[in-house]
């Protein structure tokens, strides 16, 4: 059930939704992970996700994109989920196991990442 299509992007309803309105937005350029997709092929993704969230009247929702099996990627093509969260039972359920790296480790990590950007 196609919701949107352009030269670079396709959007459709998920066939196994976590909630009503759960949709996928996919760049047509093939890539397994986000880093495999050229920047110019990603420009429409967030605007299309926003339009779908608005059209679905999703007041609360998650935008999700997984990369790699241990990050829960099940399909070997980049895709983004717009998952409405209408209540506690429907939609995406997650945990957030926070870590305390400490100021020194965090500073070192910051410098390492910043130097590669």
N, C-alpha and C. Protein backbone atom coordinates (compact mmCIF):
# COMPACT_ATOMS: atom_id res chain seq x y z
N UNK A 1 0.84 -1.18 0.00
CA UNK A 1 0.00 0.00 0.00
C UNK A 1 0.88 1.24 0.00
N UNK A 2 1.18 1.69 -1.20
CA UNK A 2 2.11 2.81 -1.40
C UNK A 2 1.49 4.12 -0.93
N UNK A 3 2.25 4.84 -0.10
CA UNK A 3 1.83 6.15 0.39
C UNK A 3 2.49 7.29 -0.38
N UNK A 4 3.71 7.05 -0.87
CA UNK A 4 4.47 8.09 -1.54
C UNK A 4 5.51 7.44 -2.43
N UNK A 5 5.77 8.08 -3.59
CA UNK A 5 6.86 7.62 -4.43
C UNK A 5 7.41 8.79 -5.23
N UNK A 6 8.73 8.84 -5.30
CA UNK A 6 9.44 9.81 -6.13
C UNK A 6 10.59 9.06 -6.80
N UNK A 7 11.44 9.80 -7.47
CA UNK A 7 12.59 9.19 -8.13
C UNK A 7 13.55 8.53 -7.13
N UNK A 8 13.61 9.06 -5.90
CA UNK A 8 14.59 8.59 -4.92
C UNK A 8 14.01 7.86 -3.71
N UNK A 9 12.71 7.97 -3.50
CA UNK A 9 12.12 7.52 -2.24
C UNK A 9 10.80 6.80 -2.45
N UNK A 10 10.56 5.80 -1.60
CA UNK A 10 9.31 5.05 -1.61
C UNK A 10 8.82 4.95 -0.17
N UNK A 11 7.51 5.10 0.04
CA UNK A 11 6.93 4.96 1.38
C UNK A 11 5.67 4.13 1.28
N UNK A 12 5.49 3.24 2.26
CA UNK A 12 4.33 2.35 2.25
C UNK A 12 4.01 1.92 3.68
N UNK A 13 2.78 1.41 3.86
CA UNK A 13 2.39 0.90 5.17
C UNK A 13 3.10 -0.41 5.45
N UNK A 14 3.49 -0.60 6.69
CA UNK A 14 4.13 -1.84 7.12
C UNK A 14 3.09 -2.97 7.13
N UNK A 15 3.44 -4.14 6.60
CA UNK A 15 2.48 -5.25 6.55
C UNK A 15 2.38 -5.99 7.88
N UNK A 16 3.29 -5.72 8.82
CA UNK A 16 3.22 -6.27 10.17
C UNK A 16 3.39 -5.12 11.17
N UNK A 17 2.41 -4.23 11.22
CA UNK A 17 2.57 -3.00 12.01
C UNK A 17 2.58 -3.23 13.51
N UNK A 18 3.31 -2.35 14.19
CA UNK A 18 3.28 -2.33 15.65
C UNK A 18 2.09 -1.52 16.16
N UNK A 19 1.55 -0.68 15.28
CA UNK A 19 0.35 0.11 15.58
C UNK A 19 -0.22 0.60 14.26
N UNK A 20 -1.47 1.06 14.30
CA UNK A 20 -2.11 1.58 13.09
C UNK A 20 -1.34 2.79 12.59
N UNK A 21 -1.02 2.81 11.29
CA UNK A 21 -0.28 3.91 10.69
C UNK A 21 1.21 3.67 10.59
N UNK A 22 1.70 2.54 11.13
CA UNK A 22 3.13 2.20 11.04
C UNK A 22 3.51 2.13 9.57
N UNK A 23 4.47 2.95 9.18
CA UNK A 23 4.87 3.05 7.78
C UNK A 23 6.38 2.95 7.64
N UNK A 24 6.82 2.59 6.44
CA UNK A 24 8.24 2.51 6.11
C UNK A 24 8.55 3.53 5.02
N UNK A 25 9.69 4.19 5.14
CA UNK A 25 10.19 5.10 4.12
C UNK A 25 11.56 4.56 3.72
N UNK A 26 11.72 4.35 2.41
CA UNK A 26 12.88 3.63 1.89
C UNK A 26 13.56 4.43 0.78
N UNK A 27 14.88 4.63 0.88
CA UNK A 27 15.57 5.20 -0.28
C UNK A 27 15.64 4.14 -1.38
N UNK A 28 15.44 4.52 -2.61
CA UNK A 28 15.50 3.55 -3.72
C UNK A 28 16.92 3.09 -4.00
N UNK A 29 17.91 3.92 -3.66
CA UNK A 29 19.30 3.52 -3.82
C UNK A 29 19.56 2.37 -2.85
N UNK A 30 20.07 1.25 -3.36
CA UNK A 30 20.29 0.12 -2.46
C UNK A 30 21.52 0.32 -1.59
N UNK A 31 21.33 0.03 -0.34
CA UNK A 31 22.42 0.01 0.63
C UNK A 31 21.95 -0.73 1.85
N UNK A 32 22.81 -1.56 2.41
CA UNK A 32 22.43 -2.33 3.58
C UNK A 32 22.35 -1.46 4.83
N UNK A 33 23.30 -0.52 4.96
CA UNK A 33 23.36 0.34 6.14
C UNK A 33 23.30 1.81 5.71
N UNK A 34 22.92 2.65 6.64
CA UNK A 34 22.78 4.08 6.36
C UNK A 34 24.05 4.67 5.74
N UNK A 35 25.21 4.22 6.20
CA UNK A 35 26.48 4.75 5.69
C UNK A 35 26.74 4.30 4.25
N UNK A 36 25.95 3.38 3.72
CA UNK A 36 26.08 2.93 2.33
C UNK A 36 25.29 3.80 1.35
N UNK A 37 24.47 4.70 1.85
CA UNK A 37 23.59 5.50 1.00
C UNK A 37 24.21 6.88 0.80
N UNK A 38 24.37 7.33 -0.45
CA UNK A 38 24.89 8.69 -0.69
C UNK A 38 23.94 9.74 -0.11
N UNK A 39 24.52 10.82 0.39
CA UNK A 39 23.74 11.89 1.02
C UNK A 39 22.61 12.40 0.12
N UNK A 40 22.89 12.53 -1.18
CA UNK A 40 21.87 13.09 -2.08
C UNK A 40 20.67 12.16 -2.27
N UNK A 41 20.78 10.93 -1.82
CA UNK A 41 19.67 9.99 -1.90
C UNK A 41 18.83 9.97 -0.62
N UNK A 42 19.23 10.77 0.36
CA UNK A 42 18.55 10.79 1.67
C UNK A 42 17.75 12.06 1.93
N UNK A 43 17.82 13.04 1.04
CA UNK A 43 17.24 14.36 1.31
C UNK A 43 15.73 14.35 1.56
N UNK A 44 15.01 13.42 0.96
CA UNK A 44 13.55 13.41 1.11
C UNK A 44 13.07 12.63 2.33
N UNK A 45 13.95 11.84 2.93
CA UNK A 45 13.52 10.89 3.96
C UNK A 45 12.79 11.58 5.12
N UNK A 46 13.41 12.53 5.79
CA UNK A 46 12.75 13.16 6.94
C UNK A 46 11.49 13.94 6.56
N UNK A 47 11.49 14.70 5.47
CA UNK A 47 10.23 15.36 5.09
C UNK A 47 9.09 14.37 4.82
N UNK A 48 9.39 13.23 4.21
CA UNK A 48 8.33 12.24 3.95
C UNK A 48 7.87 11.62 5.26
N UNK A 49 8.79 11.30 6.16
CA UNK A 49 8.40 10.78 7.48
C UNK A 49 7.49 11.76 8.21
N UNK A 50 7.84 13.04 8.13
CA UNK A 50 7.04 14.09 8.77
C UNK A 50 5.64 14.15 8.17
N UNK A 51 5.55 14.08 6.85
CA UNK A 51 4.24 14.12 6.19
C UNK A 51 3.38 12.92 6.58
N UNK A 52 4.00 11.75 6.68
CA UNK A 52 3.24 10.55 7.06
C UNK A 52 2.77 10.66 8.51
N UNK A 53 3.64 11.11 9.40
CA UNK A 53 3.25 11.27 10.81
C UNK A 53 2.08 12.23 10.92
N UNK A 54 2.13 13.31 10.16
CA UNK A 54 1.04 14.29 10.16
C UNK A 54 -0.24 13.69 9.59
N UNK A 55 -0.13 13.02 8.44
CA UNK A 55 -1.30 12.42 7.80
C UNK A 55 -1.93 11.32 8.65
N UNK A 56 -1.11 10.62 9.43
CA UNK A 56 -1.61 9.55 10.30
C UNK A 56 -2.14 10.10 11.62
N UNK A 57 -2.09 11.41 11.80
CA UNK A 57 -2.50 12.06 13.04
C UNK A 57 -1.79 11.46 14.25
N UNK A 58 -0.51 11.15 14.06
CA UNK A 58 0.29 10.55 15.13
C UNK A 58 0.78 11.64 16.07
N UNK A 59 0.16 11.74 17.22
CA UNK A 59 0.57 12.75 18.21
C UNK A 59 1.89 12.34 18.86
N UNK A 60 2.01 11.05 19.15
CA UNK A 60 3.23 10.48 19.72
C UNK A 60 3.70 9.39 18.78
N UNK A 61 4.99 9.37 18.46
CA UNK A 61 5.49 8.40 17.50
C UNK A 61 7.01 8.28 17.61
N UNK A 62 7.52 7.18 17.07
CA UNK A 62 8.96 6.95 16.99
C UNK A 62 9.37 6.92 15.53
N UNK A 63 10.55 7.48 15.24
CA UNK A 63 11.21 7.33 13.95
C UNK A 63 12.40 6.42 14.23
N UNK A 64 12.47 5.31 13.51
CA UNK A 64 13.47 4.29 13.81
C UNK A 64 14.18 3.85 12.55
N UNK A 65 15.49 3.64 12.65
CA UNK A 65 16.29 3.11 11.53
C UNK A 65 17.40 2.27 12.15
N UNK A 66 17.43 0.97 11.85
CA UNK A 66 18.39 0.03 12.43
C UNK A 66 19.49 -0.31 11.43
N UNK A 67 20.71 -0.54 11.92
CA UNK A 67 21.85 -0.88 11.09
C UNK A 67 22.60 -2.07 11.68
N UNK A 68 22.47 -3.23 11.03
CA UNK A 68 23.16 -4.44 11.50
C UNK A 68 22.26 -5.34 12.33
N UNK A 69 22.56 -6.63 12.28
CA UNK A 69 21.73 -7.63 12.96
C UNK A 69 21.61 -7.40 14.47
N UNK A 70 22.73 -7.11 15.14
CA UNK A 70 22.62 -6.93 16.59
C UNK A 70 21.91 -5.63 16.96
N UNK A 71 21.71 -4.78 15.96
CA UNK A 71 20.91 -3.55 16.15
C UNK A 71 19.48 -3.77 15.65
N UNK A 72 19.09 -5.03 15.47
CA UNK A 72 17.73 -5.44 15.12
C UNK A 72 17.34 -5.17 13.67
N UNK A 73 18.31 -5.07 12.76
CA UNK A 73 17.99 -4.91 11.35
C UNK A 73 17.67 -6.30 10.78
N UNK A 74 16.47 -6.46 10.24
CA UNK A 74 16.03 -7.75 9.70
C UNK A 74 16.02 -7.77 8.18
N UNK A 75 16.00 -6.61 7.54
CA UNK A 75 15.96 -6.49 6.08
C UNK A 75 17.24 -5.79 5.63
N UNK A 76 17.93 -6.38 4.67
CA UNK A 76 19.23 -5.85 4.24
C UNK A 76 19.10 -4.71 3.22
N UNK A 77 18.25 -3.77 3.52
CA UNK A 77 18.10 -2.54 2.73
C UNK A 77 17.68 -1.45 3.70
N UNK A 78 18.34 -0.31 3.63
CA UNK A 78 18.04 0.80 4.54
C UNK A 78 16.55 1.15 4.45
N UNK A 79 15.94 1.28 5.60
CA UNK A 79 14.54 1.72 5.67
C UNK A 79 14.31 2.39 7.03
N UNK A 80 13.38 3.32 7.03
CA UNK A 80 13.04 4.09 8.22
C UNK A 80 11.60 3.79 8.60
N UNK A 81 11.35 3.59 9.88
CA UNK A 81 10.00 3.34 10.38
C UNK A 81 9.43 4.62 10.98
N UNK A 82 8.15 4.87 10.73
CA UNK A 82 7.39 5.87 11.46
C UNK A 82 6.34 5.05 12.20
N UNK A 83 6.49 4.97 13.52
CA UNK A 83 5.65 4.09 14.33
C UNK A 83 4.83 4.92 15.31
N UNK A 84 3.54 5.08 15.06
CA UNK A 84 2.69 5.79 16.02
C UNK A 84 2.70 5.09 17.39
N UNK A 85 2.66 5.87 18.45
CA UNK A 85 2.61 5.35 19.82
C UNK A 85 1.35 5.91 20.48
N UNK A 86 0.18 5.30 20.15
CA UNK A 86 -1.08 5.85 20.66
C UNK A 86 -1.33 5.60 22.15
N UNK A 87 -0.66 4.59 22.70
CA UNK A 87 -0.84 4.24 24.11
C UNK A 87 0.34 3.37 24.55
N UNK A 88 0.33 2.94 25.80
CA UNK A 88 1.44 2.15 26.33
C UNK A 88 1.53 0.75 25.71
N UNK A 89 0.41 0.21 25.23
CA UNK A 89 0.40 -1.16 24.72
C UNK A 89 0.79 -1.26 23.25
N UNK A 90 0.47 -0.25 22.46
CA UNK A 90 0.72 -0.29 21.01
C UNK A 90 1.95 0.54 20.66
N UNK A 91 2.55 0.22 19.52
CA UNK A 91 3.71 0.96 19.06
C UNK A 91 5.00 0.32 19.56
N UNK A 92 6.07 1.06 19.48
CA UNK A 92 7.39 0.56 19.83
C UNK A 92 7.58 0.57 21.34
N UNK A 93 8.10 -0.53 21.87
CA UNK A 93 8.46 -0.62 23.28
C UNK A 93 9.97 -0.77 23.37
N UNK A 94 10.62 0.08 24.13
CA UNK A 94 12.08 0.02 24.21
C UNK A 94 12.55 0.17 25.65
N UNK A 95 13.78 -0.27 25.89
CA UNK A 95 14.48 0.05 27.14
C UNK A 95 15.68 0.90 26.75
N UNK A 96 16.23 1.61 27.69
CA UNK A 96 17.33 2.53 27.42
C UNK A 96 18.40 2.33 28.50
N UNK A 97 19.25 1.31 28.34
CA UNK A 97 20.25 1.02 29.38
C UNK A 97 21.41 2.02 29.38
N UNK A 98 21.23 3.11 30.08
CA UNK A 98 22.21 4.20 30.10
C UNK A 98 23.52 3.75 30.75
N UNK A 99 24.61 4.34 30.29
CA UNK A 99 25.93 4.08 30.84
C UNK A 99 26.52 5.38 31.36
N UNK A 100 27.30 5.29 32.41
CA UNK A 100 28.02 6.45 32.91
C UNK A 100 29.48 6.26 32.53
N UNK A 101 29.92 6.94 31.47
CA UNK A 101 31.30 6.80 30.99
C UNK A 101 32.30 7.58 31.82
N UNK A 102 31.83 8.58 32.52
CA UNK A 102 32.74 9.45 33.25
C UNK A 102 33.24 10.55 32.33
N UNK A 103 33.61 11.66 32.92
CA UNK A 103 33.99 12.84 32.15
C UNK A 103 35.21 12.60 31.26
N UNK A 104 36.23 11.92 31.76
CA UNK A 104 37.46 11.69 30.98
C UNK A 104 37.20 10.82 29.76
N UNK A 105 36.50 9.70 29.92
CA UNK A 105 36.20 8.81 28.80
C UNK A 105 35.30 9.51 27.78
N UNK A 106 34.34 10.29 28.28
CA UNK A 106 33.44 11.02 27.39
C UNK A 106 34.21 12.06 26.58
N UNK A 107 35.13 12.76 27.21
CA UNK A 107 35.95 13.75 26.51
C UNK A 107 36.82 13.08 25.44
N UNK A 108 37.42 11.95 25.77
CA UNK A 108 38.25 11.22 24.81
C UNK A 108 37.42 10.75 23.61
N UNK A 109 36.24 10.22 23.89
CA UNK A 109 35.33 9.77 22.84
C UNK A 109 34.91 10.93 21.95
N UNK A 110 34.57 12.05 22.56
CA UNK A 110 34.21 13.26 21.82
C UNK A 110 35.32 13.67 20.86
N UNK A 111 36.54 13.74 21.36
CA UNK A 111 37.68 14.16 20.53
C UNK A 111 37.92 13.19 19.37
N UNK A 112 37.79 11.90 19.63
CA UNK A 112 37.98 10.88 18.59
C UNK A 112 36.95 11.01 17.48
N UNK A 113 35.70 11.13 17.87
CA UNK A 113 34.63 11.24 16.87
C UNK A 113 34.73 12.57 16.11
N UNK A 114 34.91 13.65 16.85
CA UNK A 114 34.99 14.98 16.25
C UNK A 114 36.11 15.06 15.21
N UNK A 115 37.24 14.43 15.48
CA UNK A 115 38.39 14.48 14.57
C UNK A 115 38.12 13.74 13.26
N UNK A 116 37.16 12.83 13.25
CA UNK A 116 36.85 12.04 12.05
C UNK A 116 35.69 12.63 11.25
N UNK A 117 35.10 13.70 11.75
CA UNK A 117 33.97 14.29 11.03
C UNK A 117 34.47 15.28 10.05
